[in-house]
Amino acid sequence: MADVIVMTEKDAVKCQAFAQANFWVLPVNAVIKDDLITLIMNKLRL
């Protein structure tokens, strides 16, 4: 058995019912570059 299990916040929500003290949550933050945001916003305006 593993000493520690590391998972993202998304997976941690799914594992709440059986999570133990050795289940660690790794927060993940997306970084979106300005040119991608501009492209997305232009597509949404169509």
PDB file of N, CA and C in Angstrom:
ATOM      1  N   MET A   1       0.850  -1.182   0.000  1.00  0.00           N
ATOM      2  CA  MET A   1       0.000   0.000   0.000  1.00  0.00           C
ATOM      3  C   MET A   1       0.892   1.240   0.000  1.00  0.00           C
ATOM      4  N   ALA A   2       0.429   2.296  -0.623  1.00  0.00           N
ATOM      5  CA  ALA A   2       1.194   3.545  -0.735  1.00  0.00           C
ATOM      6  C   ALA A   2       1.193   4.301   0.589  1.00  0.00           C
ATOM      7  N   ASP A   3       2.314   4.978   0.856  1.00  0.00           N
ATOM      8  CA  ASP A   3       2.385   5.818   2.053  1.00  0.00           C
ATOM      9  C   ASP A   3       1.479   7.035   1.926  1.00  0.00           C
ATOM     10  N   VAL A   4       1.475   7.611   0.713  1.00  0.00           N
ATOM     11  CA  VAL A   4       0.682   8.814   0.445  1.00  0.00           C
ATOM     12  C   VAL A   4       0.067   8.679  -0.943  1.00  0.00           C
ATOM     13  N   ILE A   5      -1.160   9.144  -1.076  1.00  0.00           N
ATOM     14  CA  ILE A   5      -1.826   9.204  -2.370  1.00  0.00           C
ATOM     15  C   ILE A   5      -2.089  10.672  -2.670  1.00  0.00           C
ATOM     16  N   VAL A   6      -1.545  11.153  -3.789  1.00  0.00           N
ATOM     17  CA  VAL A   6      -1.703  12.552  -4.179  1.00  0.00           C
ATOM     18  C   VAL A   6      -2.686  12.614  -5.338  1.00  0.00           C
ATOM     19  N   MET A   7      -3.648  13.526  -5.237  1.00  0.00           N
ATOM     20  CA  MET A   7      -4.657  13.671  -6.290  1.00  0.00           C
ATOM     21  C   MET A   7      -5.032  15.140  -6.447  1.00  0.00           C
ATOM     22  N   THR A   8      -5.643  15.455  -7.572  1.00  0.00           N
ATOM     23  CA  THR A   8      -6.100  16.816  -7.803  1.00  0.00           C
ATOM     24  C   THR A   8      -7.388  17.071  -7.009  1.00  0.00           C
ATOM     25  N   GLU A   9      -7.761  18.327  -6.904  1.00  0.00           N
ATOM     26  CA  GLU A   9      -8.991  18.687  -6.200  1.00  0.00           C
ATOM     27  C   GLU A   9     -10.206  18.044  -6.856  1.00  0.00           C
ATOM     28  N   LYS A  10     -10.174  17.952  -8.178  1.00  0.00           N
ATOM     29  CA  LYS A  10     -11.286  17.329  -8.912  1.00  0.00           C
ATOM     30  C   LYS A  10     -11.486  15.881  -8.464  1.00  0.00           C
ATOM     31  N   ASP A  11     -10.394  15.141  -8.354  1.00  0.00           N
ATOM     32  CA  ASP A  11     -10.495  13.744  -7.925  1.00  0.00           C
ATOM     33  C   ASP A  11     -10.811  13.618  -6.436  1.00  0.00           C
ATOM     34  N   ALA A  12     -10.320  14.566  -5.653  1.00  0.00           N
ATOM     35  CA  ALA A  12     -10.568  14.518  -4.208  1.00  0.00           C
ATOM     36  C   ALA A  12     -12.059  14.589  -3.888  1.00  0.00           C
ATOM     37  N   VAL A  13     -12.797  15.344  -4.666  1.00  0.00           N
ATOM     38  CA  VAL A  13     -14.247  15.441  -4.463  1.00  0.00           C
ATOM     39  C   VAL A  13     -14.894  14.073  -4.635  1.00  0.00           C
ATOM     40  N   LYS A  14     -14.413  13.328  -5.614  1.00  0.00           N
ATOM     41  CA  LYS A  14     -14.968  12.002  -5.892  1.00  0.00           C
ATOM     42  C   LYS A  14     -14.581  10.972  -4.833  1.00  0.00           C
ATOM     43  N   CYS A  15     -13.506  11.245  -4.086  1.00  0.00           N
ATOM     44  CA  CYS A  15     -12.981  10.275  -3.118  1.00  0.00           C
ATOM     45  C   CYS A  15     -13.323  10.617  -1.666  1.00  0.00           C
ATOM     46  N   GLN A  16     -14.125  11.632  -1.456  1.00  0.00           N
ATOM     47  CA  GLN A  16     -14.431  12.078  -0.090  1.00  0.00           C
ATOM     48  C   GLN A  16     -14.992  10.969   0.786  1.00  0.00           C
ATOM     49  N   ALA A  17     -15.805  10.127   0.226  1.00  0.00           N
ATOM     50  CA  ALA A  17     -16.482   9.101   1.021  1.00  0.00           C
ATOM     51  C   ALA A  17     -15.512   8.103   1.657  1.00  0.00           C
ATOM     52  N   PHE A  18     -14.371   7.885   1.028  1.00  0.00           N
ATOM     53  CA  PHE A  18     -13.427   6.897   1.559  1.00  0.00           C
ATOM     54  C   PHE A  18     -12.022   7.456   1.791  1.00  0.00           C
ATOM     55  N   ALA A  19     -11.863   8.769   1.724  1.00  0.00           N
ATOM     56  CA  ALA A  19     -10.544   9.395   1.899  1.00  0.00           C
ATOM     57  C   ALA A  19      -9.997   9.135   3.299  1.00  0.00           C
ATOM     58  N   GLN A  20      -8.676   9.039   3.369  1.00  0.00           N
ATOM     59  CA  GLN A  20      -7.992   8.826   4.635  1.00  0.00           C
ATOM     60  C   GLN A  20      -6.951   9.925   4.826  1.00  0.00           C
ATOM     61  N   ALA A  21      -6.300   9.933   5.960  1.00  0.00           N
ATOM     62  CA  ALA A  21      -5.318  10.976   6.281  1.00  0.00           C
ATOM     63  C   ALA A  21      -4.153  11.004   5.299  1.00  0.00           C
ATOM     64  N   ASN A  22      -3.846   9.879   4.654  1.00  0.00           N
ATOM     65  CA  ASN A  22      -2.731   9.848   3.710  1.00  0.00           C
ATOM     66  C   ASN A  22      -3.148  10.185   2.275  1.00  0.00           C
ATOM     67  N   PHE A  23      -4.355  10.681   2.086  1.00  0.00           N
ATOM     68  CA  PHE A  23      -4.810  11.160   0.781  1.00  0.00           C
ATOM     69  C   PHE A  23      -4.568  12.662   0.750  1.00  0.00           C
ATOM     70  N   TRP A  24      -3.640  13.096  -0.050  1.00  0.00           N
ATOM     71  CA  TRP A  24      -3.288  14.513  -0.125  1.00  0.00           C
ATOM     72  C   TRP A  24      -3.869  15.116  -1.395  1.00  0.00           C
ATOM     73  N   VAL A  25      -4.263  16.380  -1.287  1.00  0.00           N
ATOM     74  CA  VAL A  25      -4.877  17.086  -2.417  1.00  0.00           C
ATOM     75  C   VAL A  25      -3.896  18.103  -2.974  1.00  0.00           C
ATOM     76  N   LEU A  26      -3.695  18.062  -4.268  1.00  0.00           N
ATOM     77  CA  LEU A  26      -2.814  18.978  -4.969  1.00  0.00           C
ATOM     78  C   LEU A  26      -3.667  19.978  -5.745  1.00  0.00           C
ATOM     79  N   PRO A  27      -3.684  21.247  -5.299  1.00  0.00           N
ATOM     80  CA  PRO A  27      -4.458  22.244  -6.050  1.00  0.00           C
ATOM     81  C   PRO A  27      -3.807  22.508  -7.416  1.00  0.00           C
ATOM     82  N   VAL A  28      -4.637  22.657  -8.423  1.00  0.00           N
ATOM     83  CA  VAL A  28      -4.156  22.923  -9.772  1.00  0.00           C
ATOM     84  C   VAL A  28      -4.827  24.199 -10.271  1.00  0.00           C
ATOM     85  N   ASN A  29      -4.011  25.106 -10.788  1.00  0.00           N
ATOM     86  CA  ASN A  29      -4.527  26.363 -11.332  1.00  0.00           C
ATOM     87  C   ASN A  29      -4.125  26.480 -12.793  1.00  0.00           C
ATOM     88  N   ALA A  30      -5.089  26.784 -13.629  1.00  0.00           N
ATOM     89  CA  ALA A  30      -4.804  26.967 -15.057  1.00  0.00           C
ATOM     90  C   ALA A  30      -4.328  28.392 -15.297  1.00  0.00           C
ATOM     91  N   VAL A  31      -3.343  28.523 -16.172  1.00  0.00           N
ATOM     92  CA  VAL A  31      -2.863  29.833 -16.587  1.00  0.00           C
ATOM     93  C   VAL A  31      -3.104  29.935 -18.087  1.00  0.00           C
ATOM     94  N   ILE A  32      -3.961  30.875 -18.458  1.00  0.00           N
ATOM     95  CA  ILE A  32      -4.323  31.035 -19.856  1.00  0.00           C
ATOM     96  C   ILE A  32      -3.647  32.288 -20.393  1.00  0.00           C
ATOM     97  N   LYS A  33      -2.900  32.137 -21.464  1.00  0.00           N
ATOM     98  CA  LYS A  33      -2.197  33.268 -22.061  1.00  0.00           C
ATOM     99  C   LYS A  33      -3.190  34.237 -22.686  1.00  0.00           C
ATOM    100  N   ASP A  34      -2.805  35.507 -22.711  1.00  0.00           N
ATOM    101  CA  ASP A  34      -3.685  36.564 -23.217  1.00  0.00           C
ATOM    102  C   ASP A  34      -4.172  36.304 -24.638  1.00  0.00           C
ATOM    103  N   ASP A  35      -3.301  35.784 -25.509  1.00  0.00           N
ATOM    104  CA  ASP A  35      -3.719  35.563 -26.894  1.00  0.00           C
ATOM    105  C   ASP A  35      -4.803  34.491 -27.000  1.00  0.00           C
ATOM    106  N   LEU A  36      -4.776  33.519 -26.107  1.00  0.00           N
ATOM    107  CA  LEU A  36      -5.832  32.503 -26.113  1.00  0.00           C
ATOM    108  C   LEU A  36      -7.140  33.089 -25.604  1.00  0.00           C
ATOM    109  N   ILE A  37      -7.077  33.909 -24.585  1.00  0.00           N
ATOM    110  CA  ILE A  37      -8.293  34.556 -24.071  1.00  0.00           C
ATOM    111  C   ILE A  37      -8.912  35.425 -25.154  1.00  0.00           C
ATOM    112  N   THR A  38      -8.081  36.157 -25.887  1.00  0.00           N
ATOM    113  CA  THR A  38      -8.573  37.003 -26.977  1.00  0.00           C
ATOM    114  C   THR A  38      -9.258  36.151 -28.033  1.00  0.00           C
ATOM    115  N   LEU A  39      -8.656  35.042 -28.408  1.00  0.00           N
ATOM    116  CA  LEU A  39      -9.239  34.143 -29.402  1.00  0.00           C
ATOM    117  C   LEU A  39     -10.600  33.610 -28.921  1.00  0.00           C
ATOM    118  N   ILE A  40     -10.657  33.160 -27.690  1.00  0.00           N
ATOM    119  CA  ILE A  40     -11.909  32.639 -27.129  1.00  0.00           C
ATOM    120  C   ILE A  40     -12.987  33.713 -27.093  1.00  0.00           C
ATOM    121  N   MET A  41     -12.634  34.893 -26.631  1.00  0.00           N
ATOM    122  CA  MET A  41     -13.629  35.975 -26.541  1.00  0.00           C
ATOM    123  C   MET A  41     -14.137  36.362 -27.938  1.00  0.00           C
ATOM    124  N   ASN A  42     -13.260  36.368 -28.919  1.00  0.00           N
ATOM    125  CA  ASN A  42     -13.680  36.684 -30.282  1.00  0.00           C
ATOM    126  C   ASN A  42     -14.638  35.620 -30.811  1.00  0.00           C
ATOM    127  N   LYS A  43     -14.402  34.369 -30.514  1.00  0.00           N
ATOM    128  CA  LYS A  43     -15.299  33.286 -30.946  1.00  0.00           C
ATOM    129  C   LYS A  43     -16.662  33.394 -30.272  1.00  0.00           C
ATOM    130  N   LEU A  44     -16.677  33.800 -29.003  1.00  0.00           N
ATOM    131  CA  LEU A  44     -17.931  33.904 -28.264  1.00  0.00           C
ATOM    132  C   LEU A  44     -18.792  35.066 -28.759  1.00  0.00           C
ATOM    133  N   ARG A  45     -18.175  36.047 -29.326  1.00  0.00           N
ATOM    134  CA  ARG A  45     -18.906  37.218 -29.816  1.00  0.00           C
ATOM    135  C   ARG A  45     -19.618  36.956 -31.144  1.00  0.00           C
ATOM    136  N   LEU A  46     -19.306  35.862 -31.830  1.00  0.00           N
ATOM    137  CA  LEU A  46     -19.911  35.578 -33.140  1.00  0.00           C
ATOM    138  C   LEU A  46     -21.375  35.313 -33.058  1.00  0.00           C
TER     139      LEU A  46
END
